[in-house]
């Protein structure tokens, strides 16, 4: 089900100020993520220490956030297995997407733009209608797809910030 893509649109981001992005050795971060994710296969995923992989404006990206988004992307794309190179490329893409999202949210918030629960509920209703479902049925489907309602609403909030042209 392509419910996430239903709200995406092109956007233009421009800012008069410089926004700091600090990624500690990009390739080392990706390699450490690859090593961590392969060692986690037979361990409890909650036992992995959380650490910051990037500072983006006034926000951060953690290894846990990257792993969660990578797993969701892999599941959404219905990818069963990846070669080492394909996995590295997908991790880099997910990482880049997370950094870009945080920059877009920061830029939107700097203009005073806010996305509240009412706006997110409206997005849920629109996506449900596009998929010929009620909002409750959509949320059930989202959970069946392995995404919590909280994560789904967070992703919608991010998409609404991204749609805001700055």
Foldseek 3Di string as FASTA:
>chain_A
DPLLCPLADDAADDDPDDKDKDFDPVVVVLVVLVVVVVVCPPPDPVVDDKDFGMDTRPDTQISVNLVVQLVLVCLVVVPDDDDPVRSSVSSSVSVVVVNVLVNLLVRLVVVVDDDDPVNLVVSLCVSCVVVVHHSVVVQVVCVVSVDHPVRVSVSSRSSVSRPDHD
